[in-house]
N, C-alpha and C. Protein backbone atom coordinates (compact mmCIF):
# COMPACT_ATOMS: atom_id res chain seq x y z
N UNK A 1 -37.16 -22.88 11.06
CA UNK A 1 -36.68 -21.62 10.55
C UNK A 1 -35.89 -21.87 9.27
N UNK A 2 -36.14 -21.10 8.27
CA UNK A 2 -35.47 -21.26 6.99
C UNK A 2 -34.14 -20.51 6.98
N UNK A 3 -33.08 -21.19 6.52
CA UNK A 3 -31.77 -20.57 6.50
C UNK A 3 -31.64 -19.63 5.31
N UNK A 4 -30.97 -18.51 5.54
CA UNK A 4 -30.73 -17.54 4.48
C UNK A 4 -29.35 -17.81 3.88
N UNK A 5 -29.20 -17.49 2.59
CA UNK A 5 -27.86 -17.60 2.01
C UNK A 5 -26.88 -16.73 2.78
N UNK A 6 -25.61 -17.16 2.82
CA UNK A 6 -24.60 -16.45 3.61
C UNK A 6 -24.48 -14.99 3.23
N UNK A 7 -24.61 -14.66 1.95
CA UNK A 7 -24.47 -13.26 1.52
C UNK A 7 -25.56 -12.38 2.11
N UNK A 8 -26.78 -12.93 2.34
CA UNK A 8 -27.85 -12.15 2.95
C UNK A 8 -27.64 -12.00 4.46
N UNK A 9 -27.06 -13.01 5.11
CA UNK A 9 -26.82 -12.95 6.55
C UNK A 9 -25.81 -11.87 6.89
N UNK A 10 -24.85 -11.63 6.03
CA UNK A 10 -23.80 -10.66 6.30
C UNK A 10 -24.10 -9.28 5.74
N UNK A 11 -25.24 -9.08 5.15
CA UNK A 11 -25.57 -7.80 4.54
C UNK A 11 -25.80 -6.75 5.62
N UNK A 12 -25.13 -5.62 5.47
CA UNK A 12 -25.29 -4.50 6.39
C UNK A 12 -25.48 -3.25 5.55
N UNK A 13 -26.65 -2.62 5.58
CA UNK A 13 -26.92 -1.46 4.72
C UNK A 13 -25.99 -0.29 5.00
N UNK A 14 -25.42 -0.20 6.20
CA UNK A 14 -24.52 0.91 6.51
C UNK A 14 -23.21 0.82 5.73
N UNK A 15 -22.87 -0.35 5.24
CA UNK A 15 -21.65 -0.52 4.45
C UNK A 15 -21.80 0.03 3.03
N UNK A 16 -23.01 0.36 2.65
CA UNK A 16 -23.26 0.79 1.28
C UNK A 16 -23.71 2.25 1.19
N UNK A 17 -23.41 3.03 2.22
CA UNK A 17 -23.77 4.44 2.21
C UNK A 17 -22.81 5.21 1.31
N UNK A 18 -23.33 6.22 0.67
CA UNK A 18 -22.46 7.14 -0.07
C UNK A 18 -21.75 8.02 0.95
N UNK A 19 -20.65 8.65 0.57
CA UNK A 19 -19.98 9.56 1.51
C UNK A 19 -20.91 10.64 2.06
N UNK A 20 -21.78 11.17 1.22
CA UNK A 20 -22.72 12.21 1.67
C UNK A 20 -23.71 11.65 2.71
N UNK A 21 -24.21 10.44 2.48
CA UNK A 21 -25.13 9.82 3.43
C UNK A 21 -24.42 9.55 4.76
N UNK A 22 -23.19 9.10 4.68
CA UNK A 22 -22.41 8.80 5.87
C UNK A 22 -22.20 10.07 6.70
N UNK A 23 -21.84 11.16 6.04
CA UNK A 23 -21.62 12.42 6.75
C UNK A 23 -22.92 12.93 7.37
N UNK A 24 -24.05 12.71 6.70
CA UNK A 24 -25.35 13.14 7.22
C UNK A 24 -25.68 12.41 8.52
N UNK A 25 -25.15 11.21 8.69
CA UNK A 25 -25.36 10.44 9.92
C UNK A 25 -24.38 10.84 11.03
N UNK A 26 -23.48 11.75 10.72
CA UNK A 26 -22.50 12.18 11.71
C UNK A 26 -21.21 11.40 11.64
N UNK A 27 -20.93 10.78 10.52
CA UNK A 27 -19.74 9.95 10.36
C UNK A 27 -18.44 10.68 10.60
N UNK A 28 -18.42 11.97 10.39
CA UNK A 28 -17.19 12.73 10.61
C UNK A 28 -16.95 13.02 12.08
N UNK A 29 -17.89 12.67 12.96
CA UNK A 29 -17.74 12.93 14.39
C UNK A 29 -17.49 11.66 15.18
N UNK A 30 -17.30 10.55 14.50
CA UNK A 30 -17.14 9.26 15.18
C UNK A 30 -15.76 8.70 14.89
N UNK A 31 -15.07 8.30 15.95
CA UNK A 31 -13.78 7.63 15.81
C UNK A 31 -13.77 6.42 16.75
N UNK A 32 -12.86 5.51 16.49
CA UNK A 32 -12.66 4.43 17.44
C UNK A 32 -11.17 4.19 17.62
N UNK A 33 -10.85 3.64 18.79
CA UNK A 33 -9.47 3.36 19.15
C UNK A 33 -9.32 1.85 19.21
N UNK A 34 -8.28 1.38 18.53
CA UNK A 34 -8.08 -0.06 18.44
C UNK A 34 -6.64 -0.40 18.77
N UNK A 35 -6.41 -1.29 19.74
CA UNK A 35 -5.04 -1.73 19.98
C UNK A 35 -4.58 -2.60 18.81
N UNK A 36 -3.32 -2.44 18.43
CA UNK A 36 -2.81 -3.17 17.27
C UNK A 36 -1.33 -3.50 17.50
N UNK A 37 -0.94 -4.72 17.16
CA UNK A 37 0.45 -5.14 17.29
C UNK A 37 1.30 -4.47 16.22
N UNK A 38 2.55 -4.24 16.54
CA UNK A 38 3.47 -3.60 15.61
C UNK A 38 3.59 -4.33 14.29
N UNK A 39 3.55 -5.67 14.32
CA UNK A 39 3.67 -6.44 13.08
C UNK A 39 2.50 -6.17 12.13
N UNK A 40 1.30 -6.07 12.67
CA UNK A 40 0.12 -5.77 11.85
C UNK A 40 0.17 -4.32 11.35
N UNK A 41 0.61 -3.43 12.20
CA UNK A 41 0.73 -2.03 11.82
C UNK A 41 1.75 -1.87 10.70
N UNK A 42 2.84 -2.62 10.78
CA UNK A 42 3.87 -2.58 9.73
C UNK A 42 3.29 -3.04 8.39
N UNK A 43 2.43 -4.06 8.42
CA UNK A 43 1.76 -4.52 7.20
C UNK A 43 0.87 -3.44 6.61
N UNK A 44 0.06 -2.82 7.46
CA UNK A 44 -0.89 -1.82 7.00
C UNK A 44 -0.21 -0.58 6.42
N UNK A 45 0.92 -0.23 7.00
CA UNK A 45 1.58 1.00 6.61
C UNK A 45 2.78 0.77 5.69
N UNK A 46 3.07 -0.48 5.38
CA UNK A 46 4.24 -0.82 4.56
C UNK A 46 5.51 -0.23 5.14
N UNK A 47 5.59 -0.24 6.45
CA UNK A 47 6.76 0.28 7.16
C UNK A 47 7.33 -0.83 8.05
N UNK A 48 8.53 -1.28 7.78
CA UNK A 48 9.10 -2.36 8.59
C UNK A 48 9.68 -1.89 9.93
N UNK A 49 9.54 -0.63 10.27
CA UNK A 49 10.18 -0.08 11.46
C UNK A 49 9.47 -0.39 12.78
N UNK A 50 8.30 -0.97 12.75
CA UNK A 50 7.57 -1.26 13.97
C UNK A 50 7.98 -2.63 14.52
N UNK A 51 8.27 -2.68 15.82
CA UNK A 51 8.61 -3.95 16.45
C UNK A 51 7.36 -4.82 16.53
N UNK A 52 7.49 -6.08 16.17
CA UNK A 52 6.32 -6.95 16.03
C UNK A 52 5.55 -7.19 17.32
N UNK A 53 6.22 -7.21 18.46
CA UNK A 53 5.52 -7.49 19.72
C UNK A 53 5.04 -6.24 20.44
N UNK A 54 5.49 -5.08 20.03
CA UNK A 54 5.02 -3.84 20.65
C UNK A 54 3.55 -3.63 20.31
N UNK A 55 2.80 -3.06 21.26
CA UNK A 55 1.40 -2.76 21.00
C UNK A 55 1.23 -1.25 20.87
N UNK A 56 0.49 -0.86 19.85
CA UNK A 56 0.21 0.55 19.57
C UNK A 56 -1.28 0.78 19.66
N UNK A 57 -1.68 2.04 19.68
CA UNK A 57 -3.08 2.43 19.67
C UNK A 57 -3.35 3.11 18.33
N UNK A 58 -4.31 2.59 17.60
CA UNK A 58 -4.67 3.13 16.30
C UNK A 58 -6.02 3.83 16.42
N UNK A 59 -6.06 5.11 16.09
CA UNK A 59 -7.32 5.87 16.09
C UNK A 59 -7.77 5.96 14.64
N UNK A 60 -9.00 5.50 14.41
CA UNK A 60 -9.54 5.41 13.05
C UNK A 60 -10.89 6.12 13.02
N UNK A 61 -11.11 6.88 11.95
CA UNK A 61 -12.43 7.51 11.80
C UNK A 61 -13.45 6.44 11.43
N UNK A 62 -14.70 6.77 11.58
CA UNK A 62 -15.76 5.80 11.30
C UNK A 62 -15.76 5.34 9.85
N UNK A 63 -15.19 6.14 8.95
CA UNK A 63 -15.14 5.71 7.55
C UNK A 63 -13.92 4.84 7.26
N UNK A 64 -13.12 4.56 8.30
CA UNK A 64 -11.98 3.68 8.14
C UNK A 64 -10.65 4.37 7.89
N UNK A 65 -10.66 5.68 7.84
CA UNK A 65 -9.42 6.43 7.61
C UNK A 65 -8.61 6.51 8.89
N UNK A 66 -7.33 6.12 8.83
CA UNK A 66 -6.50 6.24 10.04
C UNK A 66 -6.23 7.70 10.37
N UNK A 67 -6.32 8.03 11.65
CA UNK A 67 -6.11 9.40 12.09
C UNK A 67 -4.86 9.56 12.94
N UNK A 68 -4.53 8.54 13.74
CA UNK A 68 -3.41 8.65 14.66
C UNK A 68 -2.90 7.26 15.01
N UNK A 69 -1.59 7.14 15.13
CA UNK A 69 -0.95 5.96 15.70
C UNK A 69 -0.17 6.46 16.91
N UNK A 70 -0.42 5.85 18.06
CA UNK A 70 0.26 6.26 19.29
C UNK A 70 0.81 5.03 19.98
N UNK A 71 1.80 5.25 20.83
CA UNK A 71 2.39 4.12 21.53
C UNK A 71 1.80 3.91 22.92
N UNK A 72 0.84 4.76 23.32
CA UNK A 72 0.18 4.55 24.61
C UNK A 72 -1.18 5.23 24.64
N UNK A 73 -1.99 4.81 25.59
CA UNK A 73 -3.36 5.32 25.73
C UNK A 73 -3.39 6.78 26.15
N UNK A 74 -2.42 7.21 26.94
CA UNK A 74 -2.38 8.60 27.38
C UNK A 74 -2.22 9.55 26.20
N UNK A 75 -1.39 9.17 25.24
CA UNK A 75 -1.19 10.01 24.05
C UNK A 75 -2.49 10.12 23.27
N UNK A 76 -3.23 9.01 23.19
CA UNK A 76 -4.53 9.02 22.50
C UNK A 76 -5.50 9.93 23.23
N UNK A 77 -5.57 9.79 24.54
CA UNK A 77 -6.49 10.62 25.33
C UNK A 77 -6.17 12.10 25.17
N UNK A 78 -4.90 12.44 25.19
CA UNK A 78 -4.51 13.84 25.03
C UNK A 78 -4.88 14.35 23.64
N UNK A 79 -4.62 13.55 22.62
CA UNK A 79 -4.96 13.94 21.24
C UNK A 79 -6.46 14.14 21.10
N UNK A 80 -7.25 13.22 21.66
CA UNK A 80 -8.71 13.31 21.56
C UNK A 80 -9.26 14.51 22.33
N UNK A 81 -8.59 14.90 23.40
CA UNK A 81 -9.09 16.04 24.19
C UNK A 81 -9.02 17.34 23.41
N UNK A 82 -8.16 17.39 22.41
CA UNK A 82 -8.05 18.59 21.57
C UNK A 82 -9.01 18.58 20.38
N UNK A 83 -9.76 17.51 20.24
CA UNK A 83 -10.66 17.36 19.09
C UNK A 83 -12.10 17.47 19.56
N UNK A 84 -13.00 17.66 18.62
CA UNK A 84 -14.41 17.80 18.95
C UNK A 84 -15.22 16.61 18.40
N UNK A 85 -14.85 15.41 18.84
CA UNK A 85 -15.60 14.24 18.40
C UNK A 85 -16.74 13.99 19.37
N UNK A 86 -17.92 13.72 18.83
CA UNK A 86 -19.08 13.47 19.66
C UNK A 86 -19.06 12.12 20.30
N UNK A 87 -18.50 11.14 19.63
CA UNK A 87 -18.49 9.77 20.14
C UNK A 87 -17.11 9.19 19.92
N UNK A 88 -16.59 8.56 20.96
CA UNK A 88 -15.34 7.82 20.84
C UNK A 88 -15.61 6.43 21.43
N UNK A 89 -15.64 5.43 20.59
CA UNK A 89 -15.89 4.07 21.04
C UNK A 89 -14.57 3.35 21.15
N UNK A 90 -14.36 2.66 22.27
CA UNK A 90 -13.14 1.90 22.47
C UNK A 90 -13.39 0.43 22.17
N UNK A 91 -12.53 -0.14 21.34
CA UNK A 91 -12.65 -1.56 20.99
C UNK A 91 -11.43 -2.30 21.45
């Protein structure tokens, strides 16, 4: 088997969609929930107020936009119950 250059192995056509193409695929209806440590969250948000060992739940839209930061799964579930997302993938 012939090896492909690394740049071809990592190529994903979904990463190169225009915003209009992404929305046509239902991108505005997809979110995911990701556990994140306070130290990483502080880096992302430029806010030093998060305790480094605390774990938070970050809800992110499929286009990568943050939608919610919560301190527990119940808060995320309650927030999602008020929304009309077709798919919620947990990571």
